[in-house]
Amino acid sequence: MAPDGLVDAIARSGDAFLTATVHEGRPAVRAAFSNWRTRHEDVDRLLPVVAGLVRQAPD
């Protein structure tokens, strides 16, 4: 799944808000944790959400 599609799918899920970026010339997804209310549990919840959406994506 392309980063833009993944970012859109995550936003639609309501679980997180990530952004697409380019890192060293390659498309990527960026997570920024700058809110003082962000907890470790919030970060831990993100990986299963992303992994699940990637698994559901058509090849």
PDB file of N, CA and C in Angstrom:
ATOM      1  N   MET A   1       0.858  -1.175   0.000  1.00  0.00           N
ATOM      2  CA  MET A   1       0.000   0.000   0.000  1.00  0.00           C
ATOM      3  C   MET A   1       0.901   1.235   0.000  1.00  0.00           C
ATOM      4  N   ALA A   2       0.603   2.167  -0.861  1.00  0.00           N
ATOM      5  CA  ALA A   2       1.366   3.413  -0.926  1.00  0.00           C
ATOM      6  C   ALA A   2       1.130   4.239   0.335  1.00  0.00           C
ATOM      7  N   PRO A   3       2.122   5.026   0.753  1.00  0.00           N
ATOM      8  CA  PRO A   3       1.960   5.816   1.975  1.00  0.00           C
ATOM      9  C   PRO A   3       0.715   6.696   1.999  1.00  0.00           C
ATOM     10  N   ASP A   4       0.385   7.346   0.887  1.00  0.00           N
ATOM     11  CA  ASP A   4      -0.812   8.200   0.878  1.00  0.00           C
ATOM     12  C   ASP A   4      -2.068   7.389   1.151  1.00  0.00           C
ATOM     13  N   GLY A   5      -2.169   6.214   0.551  1.00  0.00           N
ATOM     14  CA  GLY A   5      -3.328   5.355   0.784  1.00  0.00           C
ATOM     15  C   GLY A   5      -3.391   4.865   2.216  1.00  0.00           C
ATOM     16  N   LEU A   6      -2.243   4.523   2.779  1.00  0.00           N
ATOM     17  CA  LEU A   6      -2.192   4.068   4.164  1.00  0.00           C
ATOM     18  C   LEU A   6      -2.578   5.196   5.111  1.00  0.00           C
ATOM     19  N   VAL A   7      -2.055   6.380   4.878  1.00  0.00           N
ATOM     20  CA  VAL A   7      -2.388   7.543   5.712  1.00  0.00           C
ATOM     21  C   VAL A   7      -3.890   7.805   5.669  1.00  0.00           C
ATOM     22  N   ASP A   8      -4.483   7.749   4.490  1.00  0.00           N
ATOM     23  CA  ASP A   8      -5.932   7.963   4.362  1.00  0.00           C
ATOM     24  C   ASP A   8      -6.717   6.887   5.105  1.00  0.00           C
ATOM     25  N   ALA A   9      -6.294   5.628   4.978  1.00  0.00           N
ATOM     26  CA  ALA A   9      -6.994   4.529   5.650  1.00  0.00           C
ATOM     27  C   ALA A   9      -6.906   4.662   7.167  1.00  0.00           C
ATOM     28  N   ILE A  10      -5.761   5.068   7.674  1.00  0.00           N
ATOM     29  CA  ILE A  10      -5.605   5.255   9.121  1.00  0.00           C
ATOM     30  C   ILE A  10      -6.492   6.394   9.599  1.00  0.00           C
ATOM     31  N   ALA A  11      -6.533   7.484   8.853  1.00  0.00           N
ATOM     32  CA  ALA A  11      -7.394   8.612   9.237  1.00  0.00           C
ATOM     33  C   ALA A  11      -8.860   8.188   9.251  1.00  0.00           C
ATOM     34  N   ARG A  12      -9.288   7.418   8.251  1.00  0.00           N
ATOM     35  CA  ARG A  12     -10.682   6.952   8.208  1.00  0.00           C
ATOM     36  C   ARG A  12     -11.007   6.021   9.371  1.00  0.00           C
ATOM     37  N   SER A  13     -10.002   5.273   9.843  1.00  0.00           N
ATOM     38  CA  SER A  13     -10.236   4.356  10.964  1.00  0.00           C
ATOM     39  C   SER A  13     -10.511   5.116  12.255  1.00  0.00           C
ATOM     40  N   GLY A  14     -10.032   6.355  12.333  1.00  0.00           N
ATOM     41  CA  GLY A  14     -10.217   7.154  13.539  1.00  0.00           C
ATOM     42  C   GLY A  14      -9.258   6.796  14.663  1.00  0.00           C
ATOM     43  N   ASP A  15      -8.321   5.890  14.407  1.00  0.00           N
ATOM     44  CA  ASP A  15      -7.394   5.452  15.454  1.00  0.00           C
ATOM     45  C   ASP A  15      -6.182   6.361  15.612  1.00  0.00           C
ATOM     46  N   ALA A  16      -5.798   7.046  14.556  1.00  0.00           N
ATOM     47  CA  ALA A  16      -4.608   7.894  14.612  1.00  0.00           C
ATOM     48  C   ALA A  16      -4.629   8.851  13.432  1.00  0.00           C
ATOM     49  N   PHE A  17      -3.751   9.832  13.479  1.00  0.00           N
ATOM     50  CA  PHE A  17      -3.568  10.737  12.356  1.00  0.00           C
ATOM     51  C   PHE A  17      -2.083  10.767  12.044  1.00  0.00           C
ATOM     52  N   LEU A  18      -1.717  10.231  10.897  1.00  0.00           N
ATOM     53  CA  LEU A  18      -0.333  10.222  10.439  1.00  0.00           C
ATOM     54  C   LEU A  18      -0.249  11.030   9.155  1.00  0.00           C
ATOM     55  N   THR A  19       0.955  11.314   8.718  1.00  0.00           N
ATOM     56  CA  THR A  19       1.131  12.052   7.471  1.00  0.00           C
ATOM     57  C   THR A  19       2.097  11.302   6.558  1.00  0.00           C
ATOM     58  N   ALA A  20       1.944  11.546   5.268  1.00  0.00           N
ATOM     59  CA  ALA A  20       2.867  10.982   4.279  1.00  0.00           C
ATOM     60  C   ALA A  20       4.051  11.932   4.152  1.00  0.00           C
ATOM     61  N   THR A  21       5.211  11.377   3.874  1.00  0.00           N
ATOM     62  CA  THR A  21       6.417  12.178   3.713  1.00  0.00           C
ATOM     63  C   THR A  21       7.355  11.463   2.744  1.00  0.00           C
ATOM     64  N   VAL A  22       8.486  12.055   2.497  1.00  0.00           N
ATOM     65  CA  VAL A  22       9.551  11.429   1.709  1.00  0.00           C
ATOM     66  C   VAL A  22      10.795  11.429   2.585  1.00  0.00           C
ATOM     67  N   HIS A  23      11.387  10.255   2.761  1.00  0.00           N
ATOM     68  CA  HIS A  23      12.604  10.123   3.561  1.00  0.00           C
ATOM     69  C   HIS A  23      13.688   9.514   2.691  1.00  0.00           C
ATOM     70  N   GLU A  24      14.768  10.252   2.530  1.00  0.00           N
ATOM     71  CA  GLU A  24      15.881   9.815   1.681  1.00  0.00           C
ATOM     72  C   GLU A  24      15.400   9.400   0.295  1.00  0.00           C
ATOM     73  N   GLY A  25      14.472  10.185  -0.237  1.00  0.00           N
ATOM     74  CA  GLY A  25      13.979   9.963  -1.589  1.00  0.00           C
ATOM     75  C   GLY A  25      12.912   8.893  -1.729  1.00  0.00           C
ATOM     76  N   ARG A  26      12.481   8.298  -0.615  1.00  0.00           N
ATOM     77  CA  ARG A  26      11.481   7.222  -0.676  1.00  0.00           C
ATOM     78  C   ARG A  26      10.222   7.641   0.068  1.00  0.00           C
ATOM     79  N   PRO A  27       9.042   7.311  -0.483  1.00  0.00           N
ATOM     80  CA  PRO A  27       7.795   7.634   0.209  1.00  0.00           C
ATOM     81  C   PRO A  27       7.729   6.897   1.544  1.00  0.00           C
ATOM     82  N   ALA A  28       7.197   7.568   2.552  1.00  0.00           N
ATOM     83  CA  ALA A  28       7.121   6.978   3.889  1.00  0.00           C
ATOM     84  C   ALA A  28       5.915   7.544   4.631  1.00  0.00           C
ATOM     85  N   VAL A  29       5.646   6.970   5.786  1.00  0.00           N
ATOM     86  CA  VAL A  29       4.587   7.445   6.676  1.00  0.00           C
ATOM     87  C   VAL A  29       5.261   7.986   7.928  1.00  0.00           C
ATOM     88  N   ARG A  30       4.790   9.149   8.387  1.00  0.00           N
ATOM     89  CA  ARG A  30       5.397   9.790   9.553  1.00  0.00           C
ATOM     90  C   ARG A  30       4.390   9.853  10.693  1.00  0.00           C
ATOM     91  N   ALA A  31       4.857   9.486  11.868  1.00  0.00           N
ATOM     92  CA  ALA A  31       4.065   9.645  13.089  1.00  0.00           C
ATOM     93  C   ALA A  31       4.799  10.657  13.961  1.00  0.00           C
ATOM     94  N   ALA A  32       4.115  11.701  14.372  1.00  0.00           N
ATOM     95  CA  ALA A  32       4.718  12.716  15.244  1.00  0.00           C
ATOM     96  C   ALA A  32       3.976  12.700  16.571  1.00  0.00           C
ATOM     97  N   PHE A  33       4.713  12.548  17.638  1.00  0.00           N
ATOM     98  CA  PHE A  33       4.120  12.487  18.973  1.00  0.00           C
ATOM     99  C   PHE A  33       4.561  13.717  19.753  1.00  0.00           C
ATOM    100  N   SER A  34       3.805  14.789  19.621  1.00  0.00           N
ATOM    101  CA  SER A  34       4.202  16.030  20.285  1.00  0.00           C
ATOM    102  C   SER A  34       3.191  16.505  21.324  1.00  0.00           C
ATOM    103  N   ASN A  35       2.069  15.836  21.432  1.00  0.00           N
ATOM    104  CA  ASN A  35       1.070  16.237  22.414  1.00  0.00           C
ATOM    105  C   ASN A  35       1.477  15.710  23.781  1.00  0.00           C
ATOM    106  N   TRP A  36       1.470  16.547  24.770  1.00  0.00           N
ATOM    107  CA  TRP A  36       1.893  16.138  26.114  1.00  0.00           C
ATOM    108  C   TRP A  36       0.982  15.078  26.718  1.00  0.00           C
ATOM    109  N   ARG A  37      -0.216  14.918  26.152  1.00  0.00           N
ATOM    110  CA  ARG A  37      -1.143  13.903  26.664  1.00  0.00           C
ATOM    111  C   ARG A  37      -0.942  12.532  26.021  1.00  0.00           C
ATOM    112  N   THR A  38      -0.062  12.424  25.039  1.00  0.00           N
ATOM    113  CA  THR A  38       0.210  11.134  24.406  1.00  0.00           C
ATOM    114  C   THR A  38       0.846  10.200  25.429  1.00  0.00           C
ATOM    115  N   ARG A  39       0.304   9.001  25.512  1.00  0.00           N
ATOM    116  CA  ARG A  39       0.806   8.007  26.474  1.00  0.00           C
ATOM    117  C   ARG A  39       1.459   6.850  25.725  1.00  0.00           C
ATOM    118  N   HIS A  40       2.227   6.048  26.433  1.00  0.00           N
ATOM    119  CA  HIS A  40       2.848   4.869  25.819  1.00  0.00           C
ATOM    120  C   HIS A  40       1.783   3.959  25.214  1.00  0.00           C
ATOM    121  N   GLU A  41       0.647   3.866  25.864  1.00  0.00           N
ATOM    122  CA  GLU A  41      -0.437   3.015  25.365  1.00  0.00           C
ATOM    123  C   GLU A  41      -0.929   3.494  24.002  1.00  0.00           C
ATOM    124  N   ASP A  42      -0.931   4.803  23.793  1.00  0.00           N
ATOM    125  CA  ASP A  42      -1.351   5.355  22.499  1.00  0.00           C
ATOM    126  C   ASP A  42      -0.384   4.927  21.402  1.00  0.00           C
ATOM    127  N   VAL A  43       0.890   4.984  21.699  1.00  0.00           N
ATOM    128  CA  VAL A  43       1.910   4.595  20.726  1.00  0.00           C
ATOM    129  C   VAL A  43       1.832   3.090  20.466  1.00  0.00           C
ATOM    130  N   ASP A  44       1.687   2.306  21.533  1.00  0.00           N
ATOM    131  CA  ASP A  44       1.601   0.849  21.391  1.00  0.00           C
ATOM    132  C   ASP A  44       0.396   0.423  20.559  1.00  0.00           C
ATOM    133  N   ARG A  45      -0.656   1.205  20.573  1.00  0.00           N
ATOM    134  CA  ARG A  45      -1.872   0.885  19.826  1.00  0.00           C
ATOM    135  C   ARG A  45      -1.700   1.104  18.325  1.00  0.00           C
ATOM    136  N   LEU A  46      -0.739   1.911  17.943  1.00  0.00           N
ATOM    137  CA  LEU A  46      -0.583   2.292  16.541  1.00  0.00           C
ATOM    138  C   LEU A  46      -0.110   1.147  15.642  1.00  0.00           C
ATOM    139  N   LEU A  47       0.869   0.377  16.071  1.00  0.00           N
ATOM    140  CA  LEU A  47       1.432  -0.667  15.206  1.00  0.00           C
ATOM    141  C   LEU A  47       0.401  -1.695  14.761  1.00  0.00           C
ATOM    142  N   PRO A  48      -0.436  -2.238  15.652  1.00  0.00           N
ATOM    143  CA  PRO A  48      -1.444  -3.193  15.183  1.00  0.00           C
ATOM    144  C   PRO A  48      -2.437  -2.574  14.194  1.00  0.00           C
ATOM    145  N   VAL A  49      -2.755  -1.303  14.368  1.00  0.00           N
ATOM    146  CA  VAL A  49      -3.671  -0.629  13.440  1.00  0.00           C
ATOM    147  C   VAL A  49      -3.039  -0.566  12.053  1.00  0.00           C
ATOM    148  N   VAL A  50      -1.799  -0.110  11.988  1.00  0.00           N
ATOM    149  CA  VAL A  50      -1.101   0.004  10.702  1.00  0.00           C
ATOM    150  C   VAL A  50      -0.921  -1.380  10.076  1.00  0.00           C
ATOM    151  N   ALA A  51      -0.473  -2.348  10.855  1.00  0.00           N
ATOM    152  CA  ALA A  51      -0.254  -3.702  10.325  1.00  0.00           C
ATOM    153  C   ALA A  51      -1.549  -4.300   9.792  1.00  0.00           C
ATOM    154  N   GLY A  52      -2.641  -4.103  10.498  1.00  0.00           N
ATOM    155  CA  GLY A  52      -3.928  -4.634  10.052  1.00  0.00           C
ATOM    156  C   GLY A  52      -4.376  -4.018   8.740  1.00  0.00           C
ATOM    157  N   LEU A  53      -4.191  -2.717   8.595  1.00  0.00           N
ATOM    158  CA  LEU A  53      -4.590  -2.051   7.351  1.00  0.00           C
ATOM    159  C   LEU A  53      -3.710  -2.486   6.187  1.00  0.00           C
ATOM    160  N   VAL A  54      -2.428  -2.676   6.429  1.00  0.00           N
ATOM    161  CA  VAL A  54      -1.527  -3.134   5.364  1.00  0.00           C
ATOM    162  C   VAL A  54      -1.913  -4.545   4.924  1.00  0.00           C
ATOM    163  N   ARG A  55      -2.246  -5.419   5.884  1.00  0.00           N
ATOM    164  CA  ARG A  55      -2.655  -6.790   5.535  1.00  0.00           C
ATOM    165  C   ARG A  55      -3.937  -6.803   4.711  1.00  0.00           C
ATOM    166  N   GLN A  56      -4.836  -5.868   4.963  1.00  0.00           N
ATOM    167  CA  GLN A  56      -6.114  -5.816   4.245  1.00  0.00           C
ATOM    168  C   GLN A  56      -5.983  -5.231   2.847  1.00  0.00           C
ATOM    169  N   ALA A  57      -4.894  -4.538   2.582  1.00  0.00           N
ATOM    170  CA  ALA A  57      -4.731  -3.837   1.306  1.00  0.00           C
ATOM    171  C   ALA A  57      -4.558  -4.826   0.161  1.00  0.00           C
ATOM    172  N   PRO A  58      -5.173  -4.520  -0.982  1.00  0.00           N
ATOM    173  CA  PRO A  58      -4.948  -5.367  -2.162  1.00  0.00           C
ATOM    174  C   PRO A  58      -3.498  -5.232  -2.622  1.00  0.00           C
ATOM    175  N   ASP A  59      -2.979  -6.289  -3.201  1.00  0.00           N
ATOM    176  CA  ASP A  59      -1.583  -6.264  -3.692  1.00  0.00           C
ATOM    177  C   ASP A  59      -1.435  -5.385  -4.896  1.00  0.00           C
TER     178      ASP A  59
END
